[in-house]
Amino acid sequence: MSAAAPAAAEGEAPKKGSKKLIIIIVALVAVLLIGGGAAAFLLMKSNADHAEATDDEYADEAPVKRKAPPHKEKEPAAPPTFVPLDPFVVNLADRDTERFAQVGITFQIDDPKVAEEIKLYMPAIRNAVLLILAHKTAPELLSTEGKIKLADEIGREAARSMGYEIDDPEEEEEQETTKKRKRKKVESYNPITQVHYANFIIQ
């Protein structure tokens, strides 16, 4: 009985020792895993911070590198101002037969302030336009060239009625052998940029 007991005690000793060895190994593996994970986390965080700092550095430099040369932005042109006139009815200068013209006119103005000025000078402007129309004949006004010429004359005379100094376009022809040279005088400033026809009837 006494011999069996020590043998049993000796058999239990290796079991306890192996258990301690397994616990130590597990603890070491856990420490290694935790330490490795912490080291990996710190390394990744350090790389991320470095990458972010680098991006911020390049981001600060990016506008300087991509900066375009200074240029003045083109402002959009303001829409023109239109001033319609009441229709004109006038007898034409035809000698063979009595003919009259009914013409509707709209002025295109480059400055809205001039539109109000036109209203103040409207009686003088209408008088100038009527005098121009009264000196025209039906054949002169029926052609496209005649209508364009009439619009130019109306624009000049209307501006003159408002006090603007407008020069007549002069053409000087000098004949040298078989060639003709035409020189056109530059017109002064005219706030009436275009004369548009609203209607044009000749009877």
N, C-alpha and C. Protein backbone atom coordinates (compact mmCIF):
# COMPACT_ATOMS: atom_id res chain seq x y z
N MET A 1 0.83 -1.20 0.00
CA MET A 1 0.00 0.00 0.00
C MET A 1 0.86 1.25 0.00
N SER A 2 1.87 1.24 0.81
CA SER A 2 2.72 2.41 0.89
C SER A 2 3.56 2.58 -0.36
N ALA A 3 3.90 1.50 -1.05
CA ALA A 3 4.68 1.60 -2.28
C ALA A 3 3.84 2.10 -3.43
N ALA A 4 2.59 1.79 -3.44
CA ALA A 4 1.71 2.23 -4.54
C ALA A 4 1.43 3.72 -4.46
N ALA A 5 1.37 4.23 -3.25
CA ALA A 5 1.04 5.64 -3.10
C ALA A 5 2.11 6.54 -3.66
N PRO A 6 3.41 6.30 -3.39
CA PRO A 6 4.42 7.15 -3.98
C PRO A 6 4.43 7.03 -5.48
N ALA A 7 4.16 5.85 -6.01
CA ALA A 7 4.14 5.72 -7.46
C ALA A 7 3.05 6.55 -8.07
N ALA A 8 1.93 6.58 -7.39
CA ALA A 8 0.84 7.41 -7.91
C ALA A 8 1.20 8.87 -7.84
N ALA A 9 1.91 9.26 -6.77
CA ALA A 9 2.30 10.67 -6.64
C ALA A 9 3.28 11.06 -7.71
N GLU A 10 4.18 10.14 -8.05
CA GLU A 10 5.15 10.44 -9.10
C GLU A 10 4.48 10.55 -10.46
N GLY A 11 3.40 9.78 -10.64
CA GLY A 11 2.67 9.86 -11.92
C GLY A 11 1.90 11.13 -12.09
N GLU A 12 1.48 11.76 -10.99
CA GLU A 12 0.71 13.00 -11.08
C GLU A 12 1.61 14.20 -11.37
N ALA A 13 2.91 14.07 -10.94
CA ALA A 13 3.81 15.20 -11.11
C ALA A 13 4.02 15.57 -12.57
N PRO A 14 4.22 14.63 -13.51
CA PRO A 14 4.38 15.02 -14.91
C PRO A 14 3.15 15.68 -15.49
N LYS A 15 1.96 15.24 -15.00
CA LYS A 15 0.74 15.85 -15.55
C LYS A 15 0.66 17.32 -15.19
N LYS A 16 1.01 17.63 -13.91
CA LYS A 16 0.95 19.03 -13.48
C LYS A 16 1.99 19.87 -14.23
N GLY A 17 3.15 19.30 -14.45
CA GLY A 17 4.21 20.02 -15.15
C GLY A 17 3.84 20.31 -16.58
N SER A 18 3.22 19.35 -17.26
CA SER A 18 2.82 19.57 -18.65
C SER A 18 1.73 20.62 -18.76
N LYS A 19 0.86 20.66 -17.76
CA LYS A 19 -0.20 21.68 -17.79
C LYS A 19 0.40 23.08 -17.66
N LYS A 20 1.41 23.20 -16.76
CA LYS A 20 2.06 24.50 -16.59
C LYS A 20 2.78 24.92 -17.87
N LEU A 21 3.40 23.93 -18.51
CA LEU A 21 4.11 24.23 -19.76
C LEU A 21 3.14 24.71 -20.84
N ILE A 22 1.99 24.07 -20.94
CA ILE A 22 0.98 24.48 -21.95
C ILE A 22 0.48 25.89 -21.66
N ILE A 23 0.25 26.19 -20.36
CA ILE A 23 -0.25 27.53 -19.98
C ILE A 23 0.78 28.59 -20.35
N ILE A 24 2.07 28.25 -20.06
CA ILE A 24 3.13 29.22 -20.37
C ILE A 24 3.22 29.46 -21.87
N ILE A 25 3.13 28.37 -22.64
CA ILE A 25 3.21 28.52 -24.10
C ILE A 25 2.05 29.35 -24.63
N VAL A 26 0.85 29.06 -24.11
CA VAL A 26 -0.34 29.82 -24.55
C VAL A 26 -0.19 31.29 -24.19
N ALA A 27 0.32 31.53 -22.97
CA ALA A 27 0.50 32.92 -22.55
C ALA A 27 1.51 33.64 -23.45
N LEU A 28 2.62 32.93 -23.76
CA LEU A 28 3.63 33.53 -24.65
C LEU A 28 3.06 33.83 -26.03
N VAL A 29 2.29 32.85 -26.56
CA VAL A 29 1.66 33.08 -27.89
C VAL A 29 0.71 34.27 -27.83
N ALA A 30 -0.08 34.37 -26.75
CA ALA A 30 -1.02 35.48 -26.62
C ALA A 30 -0.29 36.81 -26.56
N VAL A 31 0.83 36.81 -25.74
CA VAL A 31 1.61 38.05 -25.64
C VAL A 31 2.19 38.43 -27.00
N LEU A 32 2.71 37.40 -27.72
CA LEU A 32 3.28 37.68 -29.04
C LEU A 32 2.21 38.21 -29.99
N LEU A 33 1.04 37.58 -29.94
CA LEU A 33 -0.04 38.04 -30.83
C LEU A 33 -0.47 39.47 -30.50
N ILE A 34 -0.63 39.73 -29.20
CA ILE A 34 -1.06 41.08 -28.79
C ILE A 34 0.02 42.10 -29.15
N GLY A 35 1.28 41.71 -28.85
CA GLY A 35 2.36 42.64 -29.19
C GLY A 35 2.49 42.87 -30.68
N GLY A 36 2.35 41.79 -31.46
CA GLY A 36 2.42 41.93 -32.92
C GLY A 36 1.27 42.77 -33.46
N GLY A 37 0.08 42.54 -32.91
CA GLY A 37 -1.08 43.33 -33.36
C GLY A 37 -0.91 44.80 -33.03
N ALA A 38 -0.41 45.06 -31.80
CA ALA A 38 -0.18 46.46 -31.41
C ALA A 38 0.87 47.10 -32.30
N ALA A 39 1.96 46.33 -32.57
CA ALA A 39 3.01 46.87 -33.43
C ALA A 39 2.49 47.14 -34.84
N ALA A 40 1.68 46.22 -35.37
CA ALA A 40 1.10 46.41 -36.70
C ALA A 40 0.17 47.61 -36.73
N PHE A 41 -0.63 47.75 -35.66
CA PHE A 41 -1.56 48.89 -35.58
C PHE A 41 -0.80 50.21 -35.56
N LEU A 42 0.25 50.27 -34.71
CA LEU A 42 1.04 51.50 -34.64
C LEU A 42 1.74 51.80 -35.96
N LEU A 43 2.23 50.74 -36.61
CA LEU A 43 2.90 50.94 -37.90
C LEU A 43 1.93 51.46 -38.96
N MET A 44 0.72 50.88 -39.01
CA MET A 44 -0.29 51.33 -39.97
C MET A 44 -0.73 52.76 -39.67
N LYS A 45 -0.87 53.06 -38.39
CA LYS A 45 -1.28 54.42 -38.02
C LYS A 45 -0.21 55.43 -38.41
N SER A 46 1.05 55.04 -38.18
CA SER A 46 2.15 55.93 -38.54
C SER A 46 2.19 56.17 -40.05
N ASN A 47 1.98 55.10 -40.83
CA ASN A 47 1.96 55.25 -42.29
C ASN A 47 0.80 56.12 -42.75
N ALA A 48 -0.36 55.93 -42.09
CA ALA A 48 -1.53 56.73 -42.47
C ALA A 48 -1.31 58.19 -42.15
N ASP A 49 -0.72 58.49 -40.98
CA ASP A 49 -0.44 59.88 -40.61
C ASP A 49 0.56 60.50 -41.58
N HIS A 50 1.58 59.70 -41.94
CA HIS A 50 2.58 60.20 -42.88
C HIS A 50 1.96 60.49 -44.24
N ALA A 51 1.09 59.56 -44.70
CA ALA A 51 0.43 59.76 -45.99
C ALA A 51 -0.48 60.97 -45.96
N GLU A 52 -1.19 61.15 -44.82
CA GLU A 52 -2.09 62.31 -44.71
C GLU A 52 -1.30 63.60 -44.69
N ALA A 53 -0.18 63.59 -43.97
CA ALA A 53 0.66 64.80 -43.93
C ALA A 53 1.21 65.11 -45.30
N THR A 54 1.60 64.06 -46.03
CA THR A 54 2.12 64.26 -47.39
C THR A 54 1.04 64.82 -48.30
N ASP A 55 -0.19 64.26 -48.17
CA ASP A 55 -1.30 64.76 -48.99
C ASP A 55 -1.60 66.20 -48.68
N ASP A 56 -1.57 66.53 -47.36
CA ASP A 56 -1.82 67.92 -46.98
C ASP A 56 -0.75 68.84 -47.54
N GLU A 57 0.50 68.34 -47.52
CA GLU A 57 1.59 69.16 -48.05
C GLU A 57 1.41 69.41 -49.53
N TYR A 58 1.07 68.33 -50.28
CA TYR A 58 0.83 68.50 -51.71
C TYR A 58 -0.42 69.29 -51.98
N ALA A 59 -1.41 69.13 -51.09
CA ALA A 59 -2.65 69.89 -51.29
C ALA A 59 -2.40 71.37 -51.15
N ASP A 60 -1.50 71.73 -50.19
CA ASP A 60 -1.17 73.14 -50.04
C ASP A 60 -0.42 73.65 -51.26
N GLU A 61 0.40 72.79 -51.86
CA GLU A 61 1.19 73.22 -53.01
C GLU A 61 0.40 73.17 -54.32
N ALA A 62 -0.69 72.36 -54.35
CA ALA A 62 -1.42 72.15 -55.59
C ALA A 62 -1.94 73.43 -56.21
N PRO A 63 -2.59 74.33 -55.44
CA PRO A 63 -3.11 75.55 -56.07
C PRO A 63 -2.02 76.39 -56.72
N VAL A 64 -0.81 76.37 -56.09
CA VAL A 64 0.27 77.18 -56.65
C VAL A 64 0.71 76.60 -57.99
N LYS A 65 0.77 75.27 -58.07
CA LYS A 65 1.22 74.64 -59.30
C LYS A 65 0.18 74.75 -60.40
N ARG A 66 -1.09 74.69 -60.03
CA ARG A 66 -2.16 74.69 -61.02
C ARG A 66 -2.72 76.07 -61.30
N LYS A 67 -2.16 77.06 -60.65
CA LYS A 67 -2.70 78.41 -60.81
C LYS A 67 -2.55 78.87 -62.25
N ALA A 68 -3.68 79.26 -62.83
CA ALA A 68 -3.66 79.73 -64.22
C ALA A 68 -3.18 81.17 -64.26
N PRO A 69 -2.64 81.60 -65.38
CA PRO A 69 -2.21 83.00 -65.49
C PRO A 69 -3.41 83.93 -65.36
N PRO A 70 -3.21 85.04 -64.68
CA PRO A 70 -4.35 85.96 -64.48
C PRO A 70 -4.88 86.47 -65.80
N HIS A 71 -6.20 86.48 -65.92
CA HIS A 71 -6.84 87.02 -67.12
C HIS A 71 -8.15 87.68 -66.73
N LYS A 72 -8.49 88.65 -67.48
CA LYS A 72 -9.71 89.40 -67.21
C LYS A 72 -10.89 88.68 -67.84
N GLU A 73 -11.87 88.36 -66.99
CA GLU A 73 -13.05 87.67 -67.50
C GLU A 73 -13.87 88.64 -68.33
N LYS A 74 -14.34 88.12 -69.43
CA LYS A 74 -15.12 88.96 -70.35
C LYS A 74 -16.54 89.09 -69.82
N GLU A 75 -16.94 90.31 -69.58
CA GLU A 75 -18.28 90.54 -69.08
C GLU A 75 -19.29 90.37 -70.22
N PRO A 76 -20.39 89.70 -69.89
CA PRO A 76 -21.40 89.53 -70.95
C PRO A 76 -21.96 90.87 -71.40
N ALA A 77 -22.15 91.01 -72.70
CA ALA A 77 -22.67 92.26 -73.24
C ALA A 77 -24.11 92.46 -72.80
N ALA A 78 -24.41 93.69 -72.43
CA ALA A 78 -25.77 94.00 -72.00
C ALA A 78 -26.70 93.98 -73.21
N PRO A 79 -27.93 93.52 -73.02
CA PRO A 79 -28.86 93.50 -74.15
C PRO A 79 -29.17 94.92 -74.62
N PRO A 80 -29.37 95.11 -75.92
CA PRO A 80 -29.64 96.47 -76.42
C PRO A 80 -31.02 96.95 -75.99
N THR A 81 -31.19 98.24 -76.08
CA THR A 81 -32.47 98.86 -75.76
C THR A 81 -33.16 99.25 -77.07
N PHE A 82 -34.45 98.96 -77.17
CA PHE A 82 -35.21 99.28 -78.38
C PHE A 82 -36.27 100.33 -78.06
N VAL A 83 -36.35 101.32 -78.94
CA VAL A 83 -37.34 102.39 -78.78
C VAL A 83 -38.21 102.42 -80.03
N PRO A 84 -39.45 101.93 -79.93
CA PRO A 84 -40.35 101.98 -81.10
C PRO A 84 -40.95 103.37 -81.28
N LEU A 85 -41.08 103.78 -82.53
CA LEU A 85 -41.73 105.05 -82.86
C LEU A 85 -43.12 104.77 -83.43
N ASP A 86 -44.00 105.73 -83.28
CA ASP A 86 -45.32 105.58 -83.90
C ASP A 86 -45.17 105.52 -85.41
N PRO A 87 -46.03 104.78 -86.10
CA PRO A 87 -45.90 104.65 -87.57
C PRO A 87 -45.97 106.00 -88.28
N PHE A 88 -45.25 106.09 -89.38
CA PHE A 88 -45.24 107.30 -90.22
C PHE A 88 -46.07 107.03 -91.47
N VAL A 89 -46.92 107.97 -91.81
CA VAL A 89 -47.68 107.92 -93.06
C VAL A 89 -47.40 109.23 -93.79
N VAL A 90 -46.80 109.12 -95.00
CA VAL A 90 -46.37 110.33 -95.70
C VAL A 90 -46.55 110.14 -97.20
N ASN A 91 -46.88 111.25 -97.91
CA ASN A 91 -46.93 111.24 -99.37
C ASN A 91 -45.50 111.24 -99.91
N LEU A 92 -45.28 110.41 -100.92
CA LEU A 92 -43.95 110.31 -101.51
C LEU A 92 -43.76 111.36 -102.61
N ALA A 93 -42.54 111.48 -103.11
CA ALA A 93 -42.20 112.53 -104.07
C ALA A 93 -42.39 112.08 -105.53
N ASP A 94 -43.17 111.03 -105.77
CA ASP A 94 -43.42 110.59 -107.15
C ASP A 94 -44.20 111.67 -107.92
N ARG A 95 -43.79 111.94 -109.17
CA ARG A 95 -44.45 112.98 -109.98
C ARG A 95 -45.57 112.42 -110.84
N ASP A 96 -45.38 111.18 -111.31
CA ASP A 96 -46.38 110.62 -112.24
C ASP A 96 -47.70 110.30 -111.54
N THR A 97 -47.63 109.83 -110.33
CA THR A 97 -48.84 109.43 -109.62
C THR A 97 -48.68 109.72 -108.14
N GLU A 98 -49.77 109.80 -107.48
CA GLU A 98 -49.74 110.09 -106.05
C GLU A 98 -49.57 108.77 -105.27
N ARG A 99 -48.49 108.69 -104.57
CA ARG A 99 -48.22 107.48 -103.79
C ARG A 99 -47.81 107.88 -102.37
N PHE A 100 -48.08 107.01 -101.44
CA PHE A 100 -47.71 107.28 -100.06
C PHE A 100 -47.09 106.04 -99.43
N ALA A 101 -46.39 106.26 -98.34
CA ALA A 101 -45.72 105.17 -97.63
C ALA A 101 -46.14 105.16 -96.17
N GLN A 102 -46.32 103.96 -95.66
CA GLN A 102 -46.57 103.78 -94.24
C GLN A 102 -45.40 102.97 -93.67
N VAL A 103 -44.66 103.59 -92.78
CA VAL A 103 -43.41 102.99 -92.29
C VAL A 103 -43.41 102.98 -90.76
N GLY A 104 -43.14 101.81 -90.21
CA GLY A 104 -42.95 101.68 -88.76
C GLY A 104 -41.47 101.50 -88.47
N ILE A 105 -40.98 102.26 -87.49
CA ILE A 105 -39.53 102.29 -87.21
C ILE A 105 -39.29 102.01 -85.74
N THR A 106 -38.21 101.26 -85.47
CA THR A 106 -37.75 101.02 -84.09
C THR A 106 -36.25 101.31 -84.04
N PHE A 107 -35.85 102.14 -83.08
CA PHE A 107 -34.44 102.46 -82.90
C PHE A 107 -33.80 101.44 -81.95
N GLN A 108 -32.60 101.01 -82.30
CA GLN A 108 -31.79 100.19 -81.38
C GLN A 108 -30.74 101.10 -80.77
N ILE A 109 -30.71 101.17 -79.43
CA ILE A 109 -29.86 102.11 -78.71
C ILE A 109 -28.80 101.34 -77.92
N ASP A 110 -27.59 101.90 -77.85
CA ASP A 110 -26.53 101.23 -77.10
C ASP A 110 -26.51 101.61 -75.63
N ASP A 111 -27.27 102.64 -75.25
CA ASP A 111 -27.29 103.10 -73.86
C ASP A 111 -28.74 103.33 -73.43
N PRO A 112 -29.21 102.65 -72.37
CA PRO A 112 -30.60 102.84 -71.94
C PRO A 112 -30.94 104.29 -71.59
N LYS A 113 -29.93 105.07 -71.15
CA LYS A 113 -30.21 106.47 -70.81
C LYS A 113 -30.63 107.27 -72.04
N VAL A 114 -30.10 106.89 -73.19
CA VAL A 114 -30.44 107.61 -74.43
C VAL A 114 -31.90 107.36 -74.80
N ALA A 115 -32.46 106.23 -74.38
CA ALA A 115 -33.86 105.94 -74.67
C ALA A 115 -34.77 107.00 -74.07
N GLU A 116 -34.45 107.41 -72.84
CA GLU A 116 -35.25 108.48 -72.22
C GLU A 116 -35.01 109.81 -72.93
N GLU A 117 -33.80 110.01 -73.40
CA GLU A 117 -33.48 111.25 -74.11
C GLU A 117 -34.25 111.32 -75.43
N ILE A 118 -34.39 110.17 -76.09
CA ILE A 118 -35.13 110.13 -77.36
C ILE A 118 -36.57 110.57 -77.16
N LYS A 119 -37.16 110.14 -76.05
CA LYS A 119 -38.56 110.52 -75.79
C LYS A 119 -38.70 112.03 -75.65
N LEU A 120 -37.68 112.67 -75.08
CA LEU A 120 -37.74 114.12 -74.91
C LEU A 120 -37.63 114.85 -76.25
N TYR A 121 -36.88 114.26 -77.19
CA TYR A 121 -36.67 114.88 -78.50
C TYR A 121 -37.59 114.30 -79.57
N MET A 122 -38.61 113.57 -79.19
CA MET A 122 -39.45 112.88 -80.16
C MET A 122 -40.08 113.80 -81.21
N PRO A 123 -40.60 114.97 -80.87
CA PRO A 123 -41.16 115.83 -81.93
C PRO A 123 -40.14 116.20 -83.00
N ALA A 124 -38.92 116.55 -82.60
CA ALA A 124 -37.87 116.91 -83.57
C ALA A 124 -37.47 115.69 -84.39
N ILE A 125 -37.42 114.52 -83.75
CA ILE A 125 -37.04 113.30 -84.47
C ILE A 125 -38.09 112.94 -85.52
N ARG A 126 -39.36 113.01 -85.14
CA ARG A 126 -40.44 112.68 -86.09
C ARG A 126 -40.45 113.65 -87.27
N ASN A 127 -40.16 114.91 -86.99
CA ASN A 127 -40.10 115.89 -88.07
C ASN A 127 -38.98 115.54 -89.05
N ALA A 128 -37.81 115.17 -88.53
CA ALA A 128 -36.68 114.82 -89.39
C ALA A 128 -36.99 113.59 -90.24
N VAL A 129 -37.64 112.60 -89.65
CA VAL A 129 -37.96 111.38 -90.39
C VAL A 129 -39.00 111.67 -91.48
N LEU A 130 -39.99 112.48 -91.17
CA LEU A 130 -41.02 112.82 -92.16
C LEU A 130 -40.42 113.56 -93.35
N LEU A 131 -39.48 114.46 -93.09
CA LEU A 131 -38.85 115.20 -94.17
C LEU A 131 -38.03 114.26 -95.08
N ILE A 132 -37.38 113.29 -94.47
CA ILE A 132 -36.60 112.34 -95.28
C ILE A 132 -37.54 111.52 -96.16
N LEU A 133 -38.62 111.00 -95.58
CA LEU A 133 -39.55 110.16 -96.33
C LEU A 133 -40.23 110.95 -97.45
N ALA A 134 -40.54 112.22 -97.19
CA ALA A 134 -41.26 113.03 -98.19
C ALA A 134 -40.41 113.29 -99.43
N HIS A 135 -39.10 113.16 -99.31
CA HIS A 135 -38.22 113.38 -100.47
C HIS A 135 -37.90 112.10 -101.23
N LYS A 136 -38.47 110.99 -100.82
CA LYS A 136 -38.20 109.71 -101.47
C LYS A 136 -39.31 109.37 -102.46
N THR A 137 -38.95 108.62 -103.48
CA THR A 137 -39.92 108.11 -104.44
C THR A 137 -40.15 106.63 -104.19
N ALA A 138 -41.27 106.12 -104.71
CA ALA A 138 -41.59 104.70 -104.51
C ALA A 138 -40.49 103.78 -105.04
N PRO A 139 -39.96 104.01 -106.26
CA PRO A 139 -38.89 103.13 -106.74
C PRO A 139 -37.66 103.12 -105.82
N GLU A 140 -37.35 104.26 -105.22
CA GLU A 140 -36.20 104.31 -104.32
C GLU A 140 -36.41 103.45 -103.08
N LEU A 141 -37.65 103.42 -102.60
CA LEU A 141 -37.92 102.70 -101.35
C LEU A 141 -38.26 101.23 -101.57
N LEU A 142 -38.59 100.86 -102.80
CA LEU A 142 -38.98 99.46 -103.04
C LEU A 142 -37.77 98.52 -103.07
N SER A 143 -36.62 99.03 -103.38
CA SER A 143 -35.43 98.17 -103.45
C SER A 143 -34.83 97.98 -102.06
N THR A 144 -34.10 96.89 -101.88
CA THR A 144 -33.44 96.61 -100.60
C THR A 144 -32.38 97.67 -100.31
N GLU A 145 -31.63 98.04 -101.35
CA GLU A 145 -30.60 99.06 -101.17
C GLU A 145 -31.21 100.38 -100.72
N GLY A 146 -32.39 100.71 -101.30
CA GLY A 146 -33.07 101.94 -100.92
C GLY A 146 -33.51 101.93 -99.46
N LYS A 147 -33.99 100.78 -98.98
CA LYS A 147 -34.42 100.69 -97.58
C LYS A 147 -33.23 100.81 -96.63
N ILE A 148 -32.09 100.20 -97.02
CA ILE A 148 -30.89 100.30 -96.19
C ILE A 148 -30.38 101.74 -96.13
N LYS A 149 -30.38 102.39 -97.26
CA LYS A 149 -29.94 103.79 -97.30
C LYS A 149 -30.87 104.68 -96.47
N LEU A 150 -32.17 104.42 -96.57
CA LEU A 150 -33.14 105.19 -95.78
C LEU A 150 -32.89 105.00 -94.28
N ALA A 151 -32.62 103.77 -93.86
CA ALA A 151 -32.37 103.51 -92.44
C ALA A 151 -31.15 104.27 -91.95
N ASP A 152 -30.10 104.32 -92.78
CA ASP A 152 -28.89 105.06 -92.41
C ASP A 152 -29.19 106.55 -92.27
N GLU A 153 -29.96 107.09 -93.21
CA GLU A 153 -30.29 108.52 -93.17
C GLU A 153 -31.13 108.84 -91.93
N ILE A 154 -32.10 107.98 -91.63
CA ILE A 154 -32.95 108.22 -90.47
C ILE A 154 -32.13 108.19 -89.19
N GLY A 155 -31.20 107.23 -89.08
CA GLY A 155 -30.37 107.15 -87.88
C GLY A 155 -29.52 108.39 -87.68
N ARG A 156 -28.95 108.89 -88.77
CA ARG A 156 -28.12 110.10 -88.66
C ARG A 156 -28.96 111.32 -88.30
N GLU A 157 -30.08 111.53 -89.03
CA GLU A 157 -30.89 112.73 -88.80
C GLU A 157 -31.55 112.71 -87.42
N ALA A 158 -31.93 111.53 -86.94
CA ALA A 158 -32.53 111.44 -85.61
C ALA A 158 -31.51 111.83 -84.54
N ALA A 159 -30.26 111.37 -84.70
CA ALA A 159 -29.22 111.73 -83.74
C ALA A 159 -28.90 113.22 -83.81
N ARG A 160 -28.89 113.78 -85.02
CA ARG A 160 -28.66 115.22 -85.15
C ARG A 160 -29.77 116.02 -84.47
N SER A 161 -30.99 115.53 -84.55
CA SER A 161 -32.11 116.22 -83.90
C SER A 161 -31.94 116.27 -82.38
N MET A 162 -31.15 115.33 -81.85
CA MET A 162 -30.90 115.29 -80.41
C MET A 162 -29.64 116.06 -80.02
N GLY A 163 -28.96 116.66 -81.01
CA GLY A 163 -27.78 117.46 -80.71
C GLY A 163 -26.46 116.78 -80.98
N TYR A 164 -26.48 115.54 -81.47
CA TYR A 164 -25.22 114.84 -81.77
C TYR A 164 -24.70 115.32 -83.12
N GLU A 165 -23.37 115.47 -83.21
CA GLU A 165 -22.74 115.88 -84.46
C GLU A 165 -22.38 114.62 -85.25
N ILE A 166 -23.10 114.38 -86.32
CA ILE A 166 -22.90 113.18 -87.14
C ILE A 166 -22.44 113.62 -88.52
N ASP A 167 -21.33 113.07 -88.97
CA ASP A 167 -20.81 113.39 -90.29
C ASP A 167 -21.48 112.53 -91.35
N ASP A 168 -21.68 113.12 -92.53
CA ASP A 168 -22.21 112.36 -93.66
C ASP A 168 -21.10 111.49 -94.25
N PRO A 169 -21.44 110.26 -94.65
CA PRO A 169 -20.41 109.45 -95.32
C PRO A 169 -20.15 110.02 -96.70
N GLU A 170 -18.93 110.40 -96.96
CA GLU A 170 -18.58 110.99 -98.25
C GLU A 170 -17.70 110.02 -99.04
N GLU A 171 -18.00 109.93 -100.27
CA GLU A 171 -17.21 109.07 -101.16
C GLU A 171 -16.61 109.94 -102.26
N GLU A 172 -15.28 109.91 -102.33
CA GLU A 172 -14.57 110.66 -103.36
C GLU A 172 -14.01 109.67 -104.36
N GLU A 173 -14.40 109.86 -105.58
CA GLU A 173 -13.93 108.96 -106.63
C GLU A 173 -12.84 109.64 -107.44
N GLU A 174 -11.74 108.96 -107.54
CA GLU A 174 -10.64 109.45 -108.37
C GLU A 174 -10.37 108.40 -109.44
N GLN A 175 -10.54 108.83 -110.62
CA GLN A 175 -10.37 107.90 -111.74
C GLN A 175 -8.93 107.94 -112.23
N GLU A 176 -8.26 106.83 -112.14
CA GLU A 176 -6.91 106.68 -112.64
C GLU A 176 -6.91 105.56 -113.68
N THR A 177 -6.81 105.95 -114.91
CA THR A 177 -6.97 105.04 -116.06
C THR A 177 -8.34 104.39 -115.99
N THR A 178 -8.41 103.09 -115.68
CA THR A 178 -9.71 102.41 -115.64
C THR A 178 -10.14 102.05 -114.22
N LYS A 179 -9.38 102.50 -113.19
CA LYS A 179 -9.70 102.15 -111.79
C LYS A 179 -10.34 103.32 -111.09
N LYS A 180 -11.19 102.96 -110.09
CA LYS A 180 -11.81 103.97 -109.25
C LYS A 180 -11.48 103.65 -107.80
N ARG A 181 -11.09 104.68 -107.08
CA ARG A 181 -10.78 104.50 -105.67
C ARG A 181 -11.80 105.26 -104.85
N LYS A 182 -12.38 104.58 -103.86
CA LYS A 182 -13.39 105.20 -103.01
C LYS A 182 -12.85 105.33 -101.59
N ARG A 183 -13.03 106.50 -101.04
CA ARG A 183 -12.62 106.72 -99.66
C ARG A 183 -13.83 107.15 -98.86
N LYS A 184 -14.00 106.49 -97.69
CA LYS A 184 -15.18 106.76 -96.87
C LYS A 184 -14.76 107.49 -95.61
N LYS A 185 -15.47 108.55 -95.28
CA LYS A 185 -15.17 109.30 -94.08
C LYS A 185 -15.74 108.56 -92.88
N VAL A 186 -14.96 108.52 -91.78
CA VAL A 186 -15.40 107.82 -90.58
C VAL A 186 -16.48 108.62 -89.88
N GLU A 187 -17.55 107.93 -89.50
CA GLU A 187 -18.66 108.62 -88.84
C GLU A 187 -18.34 108.86 -87.37
N SER A 188 -18.92 109.95 -86.82
CA SER A 188 -18.77 110.20 -85.40
C SER A 188 -19.72 109.29 -84.62
N TYR A 189 -19.64 109.43 -83.29
CA TYR A 189 -20.43 108.56 -82.42
C TYR A 189 -21.91 108.82 -82.59
N ASN A 190 -22.66 107.74 -82.77
CA ASN A 190 -24.12 107.82 -82.89
C ASN A 190 -24.72 106.80 -81.93
N PRO A 191 -25.51 107.25 -80.94
CA PRO A 191 -26.09 106.32 -79.98
C PRO A 191 -27.12 105.39 -80.60
N ILE A 192 -27.65 105.77 -81.77
CA ILE A 192 -28.61 104.92 -82.48
C ILE A 192 -27.80 103.97 -83.35
N THR A 193 -27.64 102.75 -82.89
CA THR A 193 -26.78 101.80 -83.59
C THR A 193 -27.46 101.16 -84.79
N GLN A 194 -28.78 100.99 -84.72
CA GLN A 194 -29.52 100.38 -85.83
C GLN A 194 -30.90 101.01 -85.94
N VAL A 195 -31.41 101.03 -87.15
CA VAL A 195 -32.80 101.45 -87.39
C VAL A 195 -33.51 100.25 -88.00
N HIS A 196 -34.49 99.72 -87.28
CA HIS A 196 -35.23 98.54 -87.74
C HIS A 196 -36.61 98.95 -88.23
N TYR A 197 -37.08 98.24 -89.25
CA TYR A 197 -38.42 98.49 -89.78
C TYR A 197 -39.40 97.53 -89.12
N ALA A 198 -40.45 98.10 -88.54
CA ALA A 198 -41.52 97.28 -87.99
C ALA A 198 -42.52 96.93 -89.09
N ASN A 199 -42.76 97.86 -89.97
CA ASN A 199 -43.58 97.59 -91.17
C ASN A 199 -43.19 98.59 -92.26
N PHE A 200 -43.43 98.20 -93.51
CA PHE A 200 -43.03 99.06 -94.63
C PHE A 200 -44.04 98.81 -95.76
N ILE A 201 -44.95 99.76 -95.94
CA ILE A 201 -46.02 99.60 -96.95
C ILE A 201 -45.98 100.82 -97.88
N ILE A 202 -45.96 100.56 -99.17
CA ILE A 202 -46.02 101.62 -100.17
C ILE A 202 -47.26 101.39 -101.05
N GLN A 203 -48.07 102.41 -101.17
CA GLN A 203 -49.28 102.31 -102.01
C GLN A 203 -49.36 103.48 -102.98
